C-alpha atoms as a PDB file:
ATOM      1  CA  UNK A   1     -62.790  -3.544 -94.344  1.00  0.00           C
ATOM      2  CA  UNK A   2     -63.149   0.140 -95.104  1.00  0.00           C
ATOM      3  CA  UNK A   3     -61.565   2.518 -92.639  1.00  0.00           C
ATOM      4  CA  UNK A   4     -63.257   5.984 -92.299  1.00  0.00           C
ATOM      5  CA  UNK A   5     -61.199   9.233 -92.646  1.00  0.00           C
ATOM      6  CA  UNK A   6     -61.186   9.760 -88.732  1.00  0.00           C
ATOM      7  CA  UNK A   7     -59.893   6.286 -88.058  1.00  0.00           C
ATOM      8  CA  UNK A   8     -57.374   6.602 -90.824  1.00  0.00           C
ATOM      9  CA  UNK A   9     -55.853   9.625 -89.269  1.00  0.00           C
ATOM     10  CA  UNK A  10     -55.828   7.976 -85.894  1.00  0.00           C
ATOM     11  CA  UNK A  11     -53.995   4.928 -87.443  1.00  0.00           C
ATOM     12  CA  UNK A  12     -51.381   7.121 -89.107  1.00  0.00           C
ATOM     13  CA  UNK A  13     -50.732   9.227 -86.108  1.00  0.00           C
ATOM     14  CA  UNK A  14     -50.382   6.554 -83.570  1.00  0.00           C
ATOM     15  CA  UNK A  15     -49.628   3.163 -85.066  1.00  0.00           C
ATOM     16  CA  UNK A  16     -45.705   2.293 -85.070  1.00  0.00           C
ATOM     17  CA  UNK A  17     -44.089   1.254 -88.373  1.00  0.00           C
ATOM     18  CA  UNK A  18     -44.972  -2.385 -87.516  1.00  0.00           C
ATOM     19  CA  UNK A  19     -48.662  -1.372 -87.795  1.00  0.00           C
ATOM     20  CA  UNK A  20     -50.216  -3.710 -85.058  1.00  0.00           C
ATOM     21  CA  UNK A  21     -53.931  -3.913 -84.942  1.00  0.00           C
ATOM     22  CA  UNK A  22     -53.529  -3.745 -81.108  1.00  0.00           C
ATOM     23  CA  UNK A  23     -52.407  -0.075 -81.432  1.00  0.00           C
ATOM     24  CA  UNK A  24     -55.390   0.874 -83.537  1.00  0.00           C
ATOM     25  CA  UNK A  25     -57.776  -0.755 -81.057  1.00  0.00           C
ATOM     26  CA  UNK A  26     -55.930   0.810 -78.140  1.00  0.00           C
ATOM     27  CA  UNK A  27     -56.098   4.443 -79.515  1.00  0.00           C
ATOM     28  CA  UNK A  28     -59.706   4.113 -80.360  1.00  0.00           C
ATOM     29  CA  UNK A  29     -60.462   2.740 -76.879  1.00  0.00           C
ATOM     30  CA  UNK A  30     -58.473   5.600 -75.308  1.00  0.00           C
ATOM     31  CA  UNK A  31     -60.273   8.136 -77.355  1.00  0.00           C
ATOM     32  CA  UNK A  32     -63.825   6.878 -76.435  1.00  0.00           C
ATOM     33  CA  UNK A  33     -62.750   6.496 -72.809  1.00  0.00           C
ATOM     34  CA  UNK A  34     -61.479  10.249 -72.723  1.00  0.00           C
ATOM     35  CA  UNK A  35     -64.438  11.469 -74.734  1.00  0.00           C
ATOM     36  CA  UNK A  36     -66.827  10.018 -71.968  1.00  0.00           C
ATOM     37  CA  UNK A  37     -64.733  11.541 -69.175  1.00  0.00           C
ATOM     38  CA  UNK A  38     -64.455  15.063 -70.401  1.00  0.00           C
ATOM     39  CA  UNK A  39     -67.756  16.710 -69.042  1.00  0.00           C
ATOM     40  CA  UNK A  40     -67.128  15.230 -65.600  1.00  0.00           C
ATOM     41  CA  UNK A  41     -63.612  16.341 -65.608  1.00  0.00           C
ATOM     42  CA  UNK A  42     -64.577  19.849 -66.621  1.00  0.00           C
ATOM     43  CA  UNK A  43     -67.364  19.984 -64.001  1.00  0.00           C
ATOM     44  CA  UNK A  44     -65.273  18.742 -61.273  1.00  0.00           C
ATOM     45  CA  UNK A  45     -62.096  20.762 -62.093  1.00  0.00           C
ATOM     46  CA  UNK A  46     -59.928  17.629 -61.906  1.00  0.00           C
ATOM     47  CA  UNK A  47     -58.091  14.978 -63.882  1.00  0.00           C
ATOM     48  CA  UNK A  48     -59.526  11.594 -64.251  1.00  0.00           C
ATOM     49  CA  UNK A  49     -56.861   8.861 -64.920  1.00  0.00           C
ATOM     50  CA  UNK A  50     -56.690   5.153 -65.635  1.00  0.00           C
ATOM     51  CA  UNK A  51     -54.997   2.486 -67.680  1.00  0.00           C
ATOM     52  CA  UNK A  52     -55.502   0.493 -70.716  1.00  0.00           C
ATOM     53  CA  UNK A  53     -54.205  -3.030 -71.143  1.00  0.00           C
ATOM     54  CA  UNK A  54     -55.098  -6.633 -71.260  1.00  0.00           C
ATOM     55  CA  UNK A  55     -57.219  -7.990 -68.518  1.00  0.00           C
ATOM     56  CA  UNK A  56     -56.752 -11.452 -66.922  1.00  0.00           C
ATOM     57  CA  UNK A  57     -59.051 -12.862 -69.885  1.00  0.00           C
ATOM     58  CA  UNK A  58     -56.707 -11.279 -72.363  1.00  0.00           C
ATOM     59  CA  UNK A  59     -59.256  -8.652 -73.481  1.00  0.00           C
ATOM     60  CA  UNK A  60     -58.070  -5.224 -74.240  1.00  0.00           C
ATOM     61  CA  UNK A  61     -59.849  -2.894 -71.807  1.00  0.00           C
ATOM     62  CA  UNK A  62     -59.797   0.411 -70.074  1.00  0.00           C
ATOM     63  CA  UNK A  63     -59.765   0.509 -66.280  1.00  0.00           C
ATOM     64  CA  UNK A  64     -62.521   2.666 -64.398  1.00  0.00           C
ATOM     65  CA  UNK A  65     -61.298   6.149 -64.320  1.00  0.00           C
ATOM     66  CA  UNK A  66     -60.047   7.345 -60.880  1.00  0.00           C
ATOM     67  CA  UNK A  67     -60.583  11.093 -60.014  1.00  0.00           C
ATOM     68  CA  UNK A  68     -57.273  13.005 -59.187  1.00  0.00           C
ATOM     69  CA  UNK A  69     -56.588  16.612 -58.458  1.00  0.00           C
ATOM     70  CA  UNK A  70     -56.275  19.724 -60.664  1.00  0.00           C
ATOM     71  CA  UNK A  71     -52.934  18.537 -61.870  1.00  0.00           C
ATOM     72  CA  UNK A  72     -52.499  14.825 -61.334  1.00  0.00           C
ATOM     73  CA  UNK A  73     -53.721  11.515 -60.235  1.00  0.00           C
ATOM     74  CA  UNK A  74     -52.569   8.587 -58.150  1.00  0.00           C
ATOM     75  CA  UNK A  75     -54.009   5.579 -59.848  1.00  0.00           C
ATOM     76  CA  UNK A  76     -53.809   1.863 -58.888  1.00  0.00           C
ATOM     77  CA  UNK A  77     -52.495  -0.797 -61.139  1.00  0.00           C
ATOM     78  CA  UNK A  78     -55.150  -3.479 -61.662  1.00  0.00           C
ATOM     79  CA  UNK A  79     -53.795  -6.981 -60.454  1.00  0.00           C
ATOM     80  CA  UNK A  80     -53.317  -9.473 -63.212  1.00  0.00           C
ATOM     81  CA  UNK A  81     -53.450  -6.947 -66.144  1.00  0.00           C
ATOM     82  CA  UNK A  82     -50.741  -6.486 -68.786  1.00  0.00           C
ATOM     83  CA  UNK A  83     -50.689  -2.754 -69.093  1.00  0.00           C
ATOM     84  CA  UNK A  84     -49.940  -0.975 -72.384  1.00  0.00           C
ATOM     85  CA  UNK A  85     -50.861   2.675 -71.647  1.00  0.00           C
ATOM     86  CA  UNK A  86     -52.249   5.218 -69.267  1.00  0.00           C
ATOM     87  CA  UNK A  87     -54.972   7.809 -70.109  1.00  0.00           C
ATOM     88  CA  UNK A  88     -55.999  11.012 -68.364  1.00  0.00           C
ATOM     89  CA  UNK A  89     -57.923  14.140 -68.825  1.00  0.00           C
ATOM     90  CA  UNK A  90     -56.286  17.602 -68.147  1.00  0.00           C
ATOM     91  CA  UNK A  91     -59.477  18.962 -66.274  1.00  0.00           C
ATOM     92  CA  UNK A  92     -61.234  22.201 -66.734  1.00  0.00           C
ATOM     93  CA  UNK A  93     -59.838  25.153 -68.706  1.00  0.00           C
ATOM     94  CA  UNK A  94     -57.667  27.425 -66.460  1.00  0.00           C
ATOM     95  CA  UNK A  95     -55.623  30.420 -67.605  1.00  0.00           C
ATOM     96  CA  UNK A  96     -53.057  29.782 -64.834  1.00  0.00           C
ATOM     97  CA  UNK A  97     -52.369  26.119 -66.035  1.00  0.00           C
ATOM     98  CA  UNK A  98     -50.728  24.833 -69.340  1.00  0.00           C
ATOM     99  CA  UNK A  99     -53.481  22.301 -70.134  1.00  0.00           C
ATOM    100  CA  UNK A 100     -53.227  22.010 -73.923  1.00  0.00           C
ATOM    101  CA  UNK A 101     -50.045  19.881 -74.002  1.00  0.00           C
ATOM    102  CA  UNK A 102     -48.918  16.932 -71.997  1.00  0.00           C
ATOM    103  CA  UNK A 103     -46.306  17.737 -69.271  1.00  0.00           C
ATOM    104  CA  UNK A 104     -42.964  16.482 -68.863  1.00  0.00           C
ATOM    105  CA  UNK A 105     -44.390  14.753 -65.710  1.00  0.00           C
ATOM    106  CA  UNK A 106     -46.853  12.918 -67.992  1.00  0.00           C
ATOM    107  CA  UNK A 107     -44.138  11.432 -70.108  1.00  0.00           C
ATOM    108  CA  UNK A 108     -41.772  10.631 -67.063  1.00  0.00           C
ATOM    109  CA  UNK A 109     -44.687   8.938 -65.298  1.00  0.00           C
ATOM    110  CA  UNK A 110     -45.514   6.675 -68.353  1.00  0.00           C
ATOM    111  CA  UNK A 111     -41.893   5.945 -68.948  1.00  0.00           C
ATOM    112  CA  UNK A 112     -41.172   4.869 -65.284  1.00  0.00           C
ATOM    113  CA  UNK A 113     -44.113   2.316 -65.759  1.00  0.00           C
ATOM    114  CA  UNK A 114     -42.778   1.177 -69.189  1.00  0.00           C
ATOM    115  CA  UNK A 115     -46.087   2.065 -70.995  1.00  0.00           C
ATOM    116  CA  UNK A 116     -47.319   4.816 -73.497  1.00  0.00           C
ATOM    117  CA  UNK A 117     -50.048   7.157 -72.612  1.00  0.00           C
ATOM    118  CA  UNK A 118     -52.991   9.275 -73.953  1.00  0.00           C
ATOM    119  CA  UNK A 119     -54.127  12.720 -72.862  1.00  0.00           C
ATOM    120  CA  UNK A 120     -57.327  14.781 -73.407  1.00  0.00           C
ATOM    121  CA  UNK A 121     -57.097  18.513 -72.934  1.00  0.00           C
ATOM    122  CA  UNK A 122     -59.682  21.169 -72.209  1.00  0.00           C
ATOM    123  CA  UNK A 123     -59.564  22.362 -75.766  1.00  0.00           C
ATOM    124  CA  UNK A 124     -60.410  18.958 -76.979  1.00  0.00           C
ATOM    125  CA  UNK A 125     -57.057  17.920 -78.266  1.00  0.00           C
ATOM    126  CA  UNK A 126     -56.149  14.199 -78.211  1.00  0.00           C
ATOM    127  CA  UNK A 127     -52.485  13.312 -77.505  1.00  0.00           C
ATOM    128  CA  UNK A 128     -50.314  10.172 -77.689  1.00  0.00           C
ATOM    129  CA  UNK A 129     -47.319   9.927 -75.335  1.00  0.00           C
ATOM    130  CA  UNK A 130     -44.594   7.777 -76.877  1.00  0.00           C
ATOM    131  CA  UNK A 131     -42.185   6.733 -74.161  1.00  0.00           C
ATOM    132  CA  UNK A 132     -39.969   4.731 -76.690  1.00  0.00           C
ATOM    133  CA  UNK A 133     -39.216   8.031 -78.648  1.00  0.00           C
ATOM    134  CA  UNK A 134     -39.891  10.161 -75.688  1.00  0.00           C
ATOM    135  CA  UNK A 135     -42.156  12.550 -77.310  1.00  0.00           C
ATOM    136  CA  UNK A 136     -45.824  13.459 -77.418  1.00  0.00           C
ATOM    137  CA  UNK A 137     -47.825  13.788 -80.679  1.00  0.00           C
ATOM    138  CA  UNK A 138     -51.293  15.220 -81.345  1.00  0.00           C
ATOM    139  CA  UNK A 139     -53.511  12.529 -82.694  1.00  0.00           C
ATOM    140  CA  UNK A 140     -56.209  15.162 -83.446  1.00  0.00           C
ATOM    141  CA  UNK A 141     -56.481  18.909 -82.574  1.00  0.00           C
ATOM    142  CA  UNK A 142     -58.795  21.380 -80.946  1.00  0.00           C
ATOM    143  CA  UNK A 143     -62.561  20.111 -80.807  1.00  0.00           C
ATOM    144  CA  UNK A 144     -61.574  16.425 -81.699  1.00  0.00           C
ATOM    145  CA  UNK A 145     -62.905  15.673 -78.122  1.00  0.00           C
ATOM    146  CA  UNK A 146     -65.425  17.622 -76.097  1.00  0.00           C
ATOM    147  CA  UNK A 147     -64.246  21.228 -75.337  1.00  0.00           C
ATOM    148  CA  UNK A 148     -64.357  22.923 -71.943  1.00  0.00           C
ATOM    149  CA  UNK A 149     -66.714  25.847 -71.224  1.00  0.00           C
ATOM    150  CA  UNK A 150     -65.031  29.087 -71.684  1.00  0.00           C
ATOM    151  CA  UNK A 151     -61.953  27.548 -73.346  1.00  0.00           C
ATOM    152  CA  UNK A 152     -59.747  30.139 -75.070  1.00  0.00           C
ATOM    153  CA  UNK A 153     -57.645  28.709 -77.809  1.00  0.00           C
ATOM    154  CA  UNK A 154     -54.699  31.080 -77.579  1.00  0.00           C
ATOM    155  CA  UNK A 155     -54.438  31.007 -73.831  1.00  0.00           C
ATOM    156  CA  UNK A 156     -51.322  28.605 -73.883  1.00  0.00           C
ATOM    157  CA  UNK A 157     -49.713  30.240 -76.833  1.00  0.00           C
ATOM    158  CA  UNK A 158     -48.905  28.216 -80.001  1.00  0.00           C
ATOM    159  CA  UNK A 159     -49.366  24.569 -79.601  1.00  0.00           C
ATOM    160  CA  UNK A 160     -47.115  22.363 -81.846  1.00  0.00           C
ATOM    161  CA  UNK A 161     -48.154  19.052 -83.405  1.00  0.00           C
ATOM    162  CA  UNK A 162     -45.499  17.171 -81.291  1.00  0.00           C
ATOM    163  CA  UNK A 163     -42.926  17.826 -78.711  1.00  0.00           C
ATOM    164  CA  UNK A 164     -39.704  16.034 -77.585  1.00  0.00           C
ATOM    165  CA  UNK A 165     -39.246  15.444 -73.950  1.00  0.00           C
ATOM    166  CA  UNK A 166     -36.463  18.174 -73.820  1.00  0.00           C
ATOM    167  CA  UNK A 167     -38.928  20.577 -75.505  1.00  0.00           C
ATOM    168  CA  UNK A 168     -41.646  19.687 -72.984  1.00  0.00           C
ATOM    169  CA  UNK A 169     -39.165  20.437 -70.032  1.00  0.00           C
ATOM    170  CA  UNK A 170     -38.327  23.716 -71.563  1.00  0.00           C
ATOM    171  CA  UNK A 171     -42.046  24.593 -72.243  1.00  0.00           C
ATOM    172  CA  UNK A 172     -43.072  23.812 -68.710  1.00  0.00           C
ATOM    173  CA  UNK A 173     -40.426  26.093 -67.241  1.00  0.00           C
ATOM    174  CA  UNK A 174     -41.684  29.041 -69.403  1.00  0.00           C
END
């Protein structure tokens, strides 16, 4: 099977050393799910959140996204699923909100549920939240996913390719 360049980057950025096929499918599912949510998230100025996991039939799926607020969601765990990750958008572009990186709360929430996560930003970045290493990594940068109207790339200052949990805590306090 031939893997295209976009998928190859996705595989290298997300798949753990063991290289499980599930991780490649999970990341691709998260990316497509978030791509489909971006326009609604921008228009409604709110986050949309859900889970990825194995349903009662053992199929890897994403739950239907639930609308949240400007800065979070209260999502419901689907009964009978074995969850592997969360996913959420960061809503519309807002100069008063650091929206281009996952927050310390994002990583804490996933860690508390013993799952990883995926985040889409207003600038179209796609992030992986790794709760084993307690870090976040960009899978792909600005414009990888749909970009919010009036997005201004430098509004949040420099954005690194990855952040440790400690770096996220510090960045959110700035």
